[in-house]
PDB file of N, CA and C in Angstrom:
ATOM      1  N   MET A   1     -15.622-101.803  63.204  1.00  0.00           N
ATOM      2  CA  MET A   1     -16.180-103.467  63.284  1.00  0.00           C
ATOM      3  C   MET A   1     -16.193-104.312  62.357  1.00  0.00           C
ATOM      4  N   ASN A   2     -15.659-105.591  62.309  1.00  0.00           N
ATOM      5  CA  ASN A   2     -15.098-106.150  61.390  1.00  0.00           C
ATOM      6  C   ASN A   2     -16.478-106.645  60.428  1.00  0.00           C
ATOM      7  N   GLU A   3     -15.857-107.517  59.356  1.00  0.00           N
ATOM      8  CA  GLU A   3     -16.785-107.396  58.364  1.00  0.00           C
ATOM      9  C   GLU A   3     -17.910-108.603  58.469  1.00  0.00           C
ATOM     10  N   LYS A   4     -17.443-109.499  59.633  1.00  0.00           N
ATOM     11  CA  LYS A   4     -18.467-110.604  59.768  1.00  0.00           C
ATOM     12  C   LYS A   4     -19.759-109.776  60.537  1.00  0.00           C
ATOM     13  N   LYS A   5     -19.667-108.647  61.464  1.00  0.00           N
ATOM     14  CA  LYS A   5     -20.336-108.249  62.301  1.00  0.00           C
ATOM     15  C   LYS A   5     -21.279-107.339  61.509  1.00  0.00           C
ATOM     16  N   LYS A   6     -20.590-106.754  60.448  1.00  0.00           N
ATOM     17  CA  LYS A   6     -20.914-106.075  59.725  1.00  0.00           C
ATOM     18  C   LYS A   6     -22.432-106.659  59.016  1.00  0.00           C
ATOM     19  N   ALA A   7     -22.107-107.952  58.460  1.00  0.00           N
ATOM     20  CA  ALA A   7     -22.823-108.471  57.287  1.00  0.00           C
ATOM     21  C   ALA A   7     -23.917-109.228  58.582  1.00  0.00           C
ATOM     22  N   GLU A   8     -23.912-109.482  59.169  1.00  0.00           N
ATOM     23  CA  GLU A   8     -24.457-109.975  60.690  1.00  0.00           C
ATOM     24  C   GLU A   8     -25.766-108.593  61.060  1.00  0.00           C
ATOM     25  N   SER A   9     -25.273-107.300  60.910  1.00  0.00           N
ATOM     26  CA  SER A   9     -26.068-106.580  61.439  1.00  0.00           C
ATOM     27  C   SER A   9     -26.901-105.958  60.228  1.00  0.00           C
ATOM     28  N   LYS A  10     -26.229-106.026  59.110  1.00  0.00           N
ATOM     29  CA  LYS A  10     -27.046-105.792  58.033  1.00  0.00           C
ATOM     30  C   LYS A  10     -28.573-106.709  57.898  1.00  0.00           C
ATOM     31  N   VAL A  11     -27.807-108.024  58.081  1.00  0.00           N
ATOM     32  CA  VAL A  11     -29.202-109.167  58.039  1.00  0.00           C
ATOM     33  C   VAL A  11     -30.142-108.875  59.097  1.00  0.00           C
ATOM     34  N   ALA A  12     -29.835-108.355  60.196  1.00  0.00           N
ATOM     35  CA  ALA A  12     -30.718-108.230  61.175  1.00  0.00           C
ATOM     36  C   ALA A  12     -31.756-107.061  60.762  1.00  0.00           C
ATOM     37  N   GLU A  13     -31.078-106.005  60.478  1.00  0.00           N
ATOM     38  CA  GLU A  13     -31.684-104.671  59.711  1.00  0.00           C
ATOM     39  C   GLU A  13     -32.467-105.088  58.857  1.00  0.00           C
ATOM     40  N   GLU A  14     -32.207-105.917  57.568  1.00  0.00           N
ATOM     41  CA  GLU A  14     -33.116-106.605  56.828  1.00  0.00           C
ATOM     42  C   GLU A  14     -34.719-107.053  57.325  1.00  0.00           C
ATOM     43  N   LYS A  15     -34.180-108.135  58.103  1.00  0.00           N
ATOM     44  CA  LYS A  15     -35.299-108.979  58.617  1.00  0.00           C
ATOM     45  C   LYS A  15     -36.232-107.898  59.577  1.00  0.00           C
ATOM     46  N   THR A  16     -35.627-106.925  60.109  1.00  0.00           N
ATOM     47  CA  THR A  16     -36.681-105.966  61.109  1.00  0.00           C
ATOM     48  C   THR A  16     -37.687-105.128  59.971  1.00  0.00           C
ATOM     49  N   GLU A  17     -37.113-105.060  58.776  1.00  0.00           N
ATOM     50  CA  GLU A  17     -37.703-104.464  57.985  1.00  0.00           C
ATOM     51  C   GLU A  17     -38.541-104.891  57.017  1.00  0.00           C
ATOM     52  N   LYS A  18     -38.676-105.956  56.925  1.00  0.00           N
ATOM     53  CA  LYS A  18     -40.057-106.857  56.063  1.00  0.00           C
ATOM     54  C   LYS A  18     -41.234-106.467  56.715  1.00  0.00           C
ATOM     55  N   VAL A  19     -41.678-106.508  55.841  1.00  0.00           N
ATOM     56  CA  VAL A  19     -43.300-106.185  56.198  1.00  0.00           C
ATOM     57  C   VAL A  19     -44.100-107.382  55.676  1.00  0.00           C
ATOM     58  N   ILE A  20     -44.498-107.719  56.751  1.00  0.00           N
ATOM     59  CA  ILE A  20     -46.150-109.247  57.134  1.00  0.00           C
ATOM     60  C   ILE A  20     -47.520-108.282  56.328  1.00  0.00           C
ATOM     61  N   THR A  21     -47.868-109.254  55.389  1.00  0.00           N
ATOM     62  CA  THR A  21     -49.407-108.759  54.945  1.00  0.00           C
ATOM     63  C   THR A  21     -49.975-109.833  54.831  1.00  0.00           C
ATOM     64  N   HIS A  22     -51.365-109.979  54.935  1.00  0.00           N
ATOM     65  CA  HIS A  22     -52.140-110.842  54.999  1.00  0.00           C
ATOM     66  C   HIS A  22     -53.507-110.383  53.888  1.00  0.00           C
ATOM     67  N   THR A  23     -53.844-111.216  52.893  1.00  0.00           N
ATOM     68  CA  THR A  23     -54.952-110.911  52.041  1.00  0.00           C
ATOM     69  C   THR A  23     -56.311-111.620  52.720  1.00  0.00           C
ATOM     70  N   VAL A  24     -57.311-110.870  52.944  1.00  0.00           N
ATOM     71  CA  VAL A  24     -58.357-111.378  53.595  1.00  0.00           C
ATOM     72  C   VAL A  24     -59.161-112.746  53.063  1.00  0.00           C
ATOM     73  N   VAL A  25     -59.599-113.335  53.259  1.00  0.00           N
ATOM     74  CA  VAL A  25     -60.329-114.568  52.418  1.00  0.00           C
ATOM     75  C   VAL A  25     -61.824-114.517  53.386  1.00  0.00           C
ATOM     76  N   LYS A  26     -62.700-115.342  52.712  1.00  0.00           N
ATOM     77  CA  LYS A  26     -63.939-115.303  53.613  1.00  0.00           C
ATOM     78  C   LYS A  26     -63.696-115.927  54.713  1.00  0.00           C
ATOM     79  N   GLY A  27     -64.638-115.630  55.680  1.00  0.00           N
ATOM     80  CA  GLY A  27     -64.447-116.109  56.959  1.00  0.00           C
ATOM     81  C   GLY A  27     -63.209-115.416  58.000  1.00  0.00           C
ATOM     82  N   ASP A  28     -62.409-114.782  57.222  1.00  0.00           N
ATOM     83  CA  ASP A  28     -61.680-113.587  58.309  1.00  0.00           C
ATOM     84  C   ASP A  28     -62.328-112.592  59.002  1.00  0.00           C
ATOM     85  N   THR A  29     -61.726-112.328  60.258  1.00  0.00           N
ATOM     86  CA  THR A  29     -62.031-111.152  61.157  1.00  0.00           C
ATOM     87  C   THR A  29     -60.620-110.469  61.551  1.00  0.00           C
ATOM     88  N   VAL A  30     -61.318-109.529  61.929  1.00  0.00           N
ATOM     89  CA  VAL A  30     -59.884-108.433  62.773  1.00  0.00           C
ATOM     90  C   VAL A  30     -59.393-109.400  63.553  1.00  0.00           C
ATOM     91  N   TYR A  31     -60.355-110.120  64.141  1.00  0.00           N
ATOM     92  CA  TYR A  31     -59.614-111.224  65.451  1.00  0.00           C
ATOM     93  C   TYR A  31     -59.097-112.353  65.500  1.00  0.00           C
ATOM     94  N   SER A  32     -59.667-112.976  64.463  1.00  0.00           N
ATOM     95  CA  SER A  32     -58.531-114.172  63.666  1.00  0.00           C
ATOM     96  C   SER A  32     -57.606-113.953  63.394  1.00  0.00           C
ATOM     97  N   ILE A  33     -57.357-112.879  62.415  1.00  0.00           N
ATOM     98  CA  ILE A  33     -55.773-112.362  61.901  1.00  0.00           C
ATOM     99  C   ILE A  33     -55.089-111.919  63.098  1.00  0.00           C
ATOM    100  N   ALA A  34     -55.599-111.473  64.027  1.00  0.00           N
ATOM    101  CA  ALA A  34     -54.824-111.106  65.308  1.00  0.00           C
ATOM    102  C   ALA A  34     -54.535-112.202  66.082  1.00  0.00           C
ATOM    103  N   GLN A  35     -55.081-112.909  65.947  1.00  0.00           N
ATOM    104  CA  GLN A  35     -54.824-114.386  66.841  1.00  0.00           C
ATOM    105  C   GLN A  35     -53.677-115.201  66.109  1.00  0.00           C
ATOM    106  N   LYS A  36     -54.035-115.184  64.478  1.00  0.00           N
ATOM    107  CA  LYS A  36     -52.828-115.823  64.179  1.00  0.00           C
ATOM    108  C   LYS A  36     -51.381-115.499  63.525  1.00  0.00           C
ATOM    109  N   TYR A  37     -51.385-113.952  63.505  1.00  0.00           N
ATOM    110  CA  TYR A  37     -50.167-113.183  63.432  1.00  0.00           C
ATOM    111  C   TYR A  37     -49.659-112.995  65.079  1.00  0.00           C
ATOM    112  N   LEU A  38     -50.440-112.472  65.472  1.00  0.00           N
ATOM    113  CA  LEU A  38     -49.973-111.855  66.996  1.00  0.00           C
ATOM    114  C   LEU A  38     -50.103-112.636  68.293  1.00  0.00           C
ATOM    115  N   GLY A  39     -50.643-113.736  68.070  1.00  0.00           N
ATOM    116  CA  GLY A  39     -50.863-114.637  69.138  1.00  0.00           C
ATOM    117  C   GLY A  39     -51.890-114.334  70.295  1.00  0.00           C
ATOM    118  N   LYS A  40     -52.708-113.235  70.051  1.00  0.00           N
ATOM    119  CA  LYS A  40     -54.100-112.552  70.813  1.00  0.00           C
ATOM    120  C   LYS A  40     -54.672-111.916  70.152  1.00  0.00           C
ATOM    121  N   THR A  41     -55.991-112.468  70.265  1.00  0.00           N
ATOM    122  CA  THR A  41     -57.362-111.603  69.890  1.00  0.00           C
ATOM    123  C   THR A  41     -57.341-110.219  70.236  1.00  0.00           C
ATOM    124  N   SER A  42     -56.884-110.223  71.298  1.00  0.00           N
ATOM    125  CA  SER A  42     -56.958-108.342  72.034  1.00  0.00           C
ATOM    126  C   SER A  42     -56.271-107.537  71.512  1.00  0.00           C
ATOM    127  N   ARG A  43     -54.957-107.872  70.176  1.00  0.00           N
ATOM    128  CA  ARG A  43     -54.550-107.207  69.606  1.00  0.00           C
ATOM    129  C   ARG A  43     -54.882-106.564  68.357  1.00  0.00           C
ATOM    130  N   ALA A  44     -55.977-107.168  68.048  1.00  0.00           N
ATOM    131  CA  ALA A  44     -56.863-106.617  66.948  1.00  0.00           C
ATOM    132  C   ALA A  44     -56.359-105.016  66.450  1.00  0.00           C
ATOM    133  N   SER A  45     -56.741-104.437  67.948  1.00  0.00           N
ATOM    134  CA  SER A  45     -56.975-102.873  67.654  1.00  0.00           C
ATOM    135  C   SER A  45     -55.420-102.527  66.878  1.00  0.00           C
ATOM    136  N   GLU A  46     -54.531-103.348  67.122  1.00  0.00           N
ATOM    137  CA  GLU A  46     -53.144-102.606  66.545  1.00  0.00           C
ATOM    138  C   GLU A  46     -53.336-103.186  65.007  1.00  0.00           C
ATOM    139  N   ILE A  47     -53.912-104.131  64.693  1.00  0.00           N
ATOM    140  CA  ILE A  47     -54.131-104.404  62.952  1.00  0.00           C
ATOM    141  C   ILE A  47     -54.944-102.918  62.482  1.00  0.00           C
ATOM    142  N   ARG A  48     -55.862-103.003  63.083  1.00  0.00           N
ATOM    143  CA  ARG A  48     -57.141-101.802  62.596  1.00  0.00           C
ATOM    144  C   ARG A  48     -56.050-100.555  62.597  1.00  0.00           C
ATOM    145  N   ARG A  49     -55.420-100.195  63.964  1.00  0.00           N
ATOM    146  CA  ARG A  49     -54.750 -98.764  63.560  1.00  0.00           C
ATOM    147  C   ARG A  49     -53.494 -98.740  62.184  1.00  0.00           C
ATOM    148  N   ALA A  50     -52.931-100.174  62.151  1.00  0.00           N
ATOM    149  CA  ALA A  50     -52.032-100.128  61.038  1.00  0.00           C
ATOM    150  C   ALA A  50     -52.605-100.082  59.567  1.00  0.00           C
ATOM    151  N   ASN A  51     -53.972-100.464  59.714  1.00  0.00           N
ATOM    152  CA  ASN A  51     -54.366-100.113  58.165  1.00  0.00           C
ATOM    153  C   ASN A  51     -55.423 -99.174  58.107  1.00  0.00           C
ATOM    154  N   ASN A  52     -55.548 -98.403  59.210  1.00  0.00           N
ATOM    155  CA  ASN A  52     -56.742 -97.359  59.150  1.00  0.00           C
ATOM    156  C   ASN A  52     -58.101 -97.794  59.149  1.00  0.00           C
ATOM    157  N   LEU A  53     -58.342 -98.870  59.494  1.00  0.00           N
ATOM    158  CA  LEU A  53     -59.576 -99.327  59.948  1.00  0.00           C
ATOM    159  C   LEU A  53     -60.549 -98.511  60.622  1.00  0.00           C
ATOM    160  N   VAL A  54     -61.775 -98.197  60.606  1.00  0.00           N
ATOM    161  CA  VAL A  54     -62.810 -97.846  61.287  1.00  0.00           C
ATOM    162  C   VAL A  54     -63.531 -98.650  61.818  1.00  0.00           C
ATOM    163  N   THR A  55     -64.145 -99.607  61.099  1.00  0.00           N
ATOM    164  CA  THR A  55     -64.584-100.720  61.602  1.00  0.00           C
ATOM    165  C   THR A  55     -64.305-102.199  61.571  1.00  0.00           C
ATOM    166  N   ASP A  56     -64.661-103.171  61.888  1.00  0.00           N
ATOM    167  CA  ASP A  56     -64.411-104.712  62.009  1.00  0.00           C
ATOM    168  C   ASP A  56     -64.647-105.705  60.666  1.00  0.00           C
ATOM    169  N   ILE A  57     -65.261-104.436  59.945  1.00  0.00           N
ATOM    170  CA  ILE A  57     -66.062-105.165  58.088  1.00  0.00           C
ATOM    171  C   ILE A  57     -64.777-105.134  57.344  1.00  0.00           C
ATOM    172  N   LEU A  58     -64.199-106.794  56.906  1.00  0.00           N
ATOM    173  CA  LEU A  58     -63.280-106.610  55.638  1.00  0.00           C
ATOM    174  C   LEU A  58     -63.667-106.943  54.935  1.00  0.00           C
ATOM    175  N   ARG A  59     -63.125-106.526  53.694  1.00  0.00           N
ATOM    176  CA  ARG A  59     -63.549-106.848  52.154  1.00  0.00           C
ATOM    177  C   ARG A  59     -62.558-107.970  51.492  1.00  0.00           C
ATOM    178  N   ILE A  60     -63.354-109.191  51.344  1.00  0.00           N
ATOM    179  CA  ILE A  60     -62.188-110.051  50.787  1.00  0.00           C
ATOM    180  C   ILE A  60     -61.219-109.472  49.706  1.00  0.00           C
ATOM    181  N   GLY A  61     -60.054-109.914  49.992  1.00  0.00           N
ATOM    182  CA  GLY A  61     -59.092-109.366  48.694  1.00  0.00           C
ATOM    183  C   GLY A  61     -58.209-108.197  49.478  1.00  0.00           C
ATOM    184  N   LYS A  62     -58.881-107.498  50.301  1.00  0.00           N
ATOM    185  CA  LYS A  62     -58.267-106.551  51.193  1.00  0.00           C
ATOM    186  C   LYS A  62     -56.812-107.100  51.519  1.00  0.00           C
ATOM    187  N   MET A  63     -55.642-106.401  51.201  1.00  0.00           N
ATOM    188  CA  MET A  63     -54.357-106.601  51.871  1.00  0.00           C
ATOM    189  C   MET A  63     -54.256-106.023  53.148  1.00  0.00           C
ATOM    190  N   LEU A  64     -53.860-106.518  54.147  1.00  0.00           N
ATOM    191  CA  LEU A  64     -53.731-105.795  55.381  1.00  0.00           C
ATOM    192  C   LEU A  64     -52.281-105.903  55.971  1.00  0.00           C
ATOM    193  N   VAL A  65     -51.684-104.866  56.540  1.00  0.00           N
ATOM    194  CA  VAL A  65     -50.500-104.665  56.939  1.00  0.00           C
ATOM    195  C   VAL A  65     -50.645-105.523  58.615  1.00  0.00           C
ATOM    196  N   ILE A  66     -49.635-106.241  58.759  1.00  0.00           N
ATOM    197  CA  ILE A  66     -49.586-107.047  60.142  1.00  0.00           C
ATOM    198  C   ILE A  66     -48.729-106.489  60.775  1.00  0.00           C
ATOM    199  N   PRO A  67     -48.839-105.585  61.973  1.00  0.00           N
ATOM    200  CA  PRO A  67     -47.793-104.985  62.905  1.00  0.00           C
ATOM    201  C   PRO A  67     -46.779-105.710  62.982  1.00  0.00           C
ATOM    202  N   LYS A  68     -45.558-105.756  63.352  1.00  0.00           N
ATOM    203  CA  LYS A  68     -44.804-106.709  64.321  1.00  0.00           C
ATOM    204  C   LYS A  68     -45.005-107.024  65.860  1.00  0.00           C
ATOM    205  N   LYS A  69     -44.552-108.044  65.820  1.00  0.00           N
ATOM    206  CA  LYS A  69     -44.737-108.568  67.525  1.00  0.00           C
ATOM    207  C   LYS A  69     -43.986-107.611  68.300  1.00  0.00           C
TER     208      LYS A  69
END
């Protein structure tokens, strides 16, 4: 593999490894966060699963991991 392709491959790997997080603010719901980052409220369960949430109640200031699209 030539050097240019190696560099492009490394950049692609780094982009996929970045973690998206969201810090909960007043008024946020799991559904509104799913809509904002994942494009559908129906994907709220993915956020719950990624953060080991057992309820939809969120504490202000909590940092949530957002799963990749």
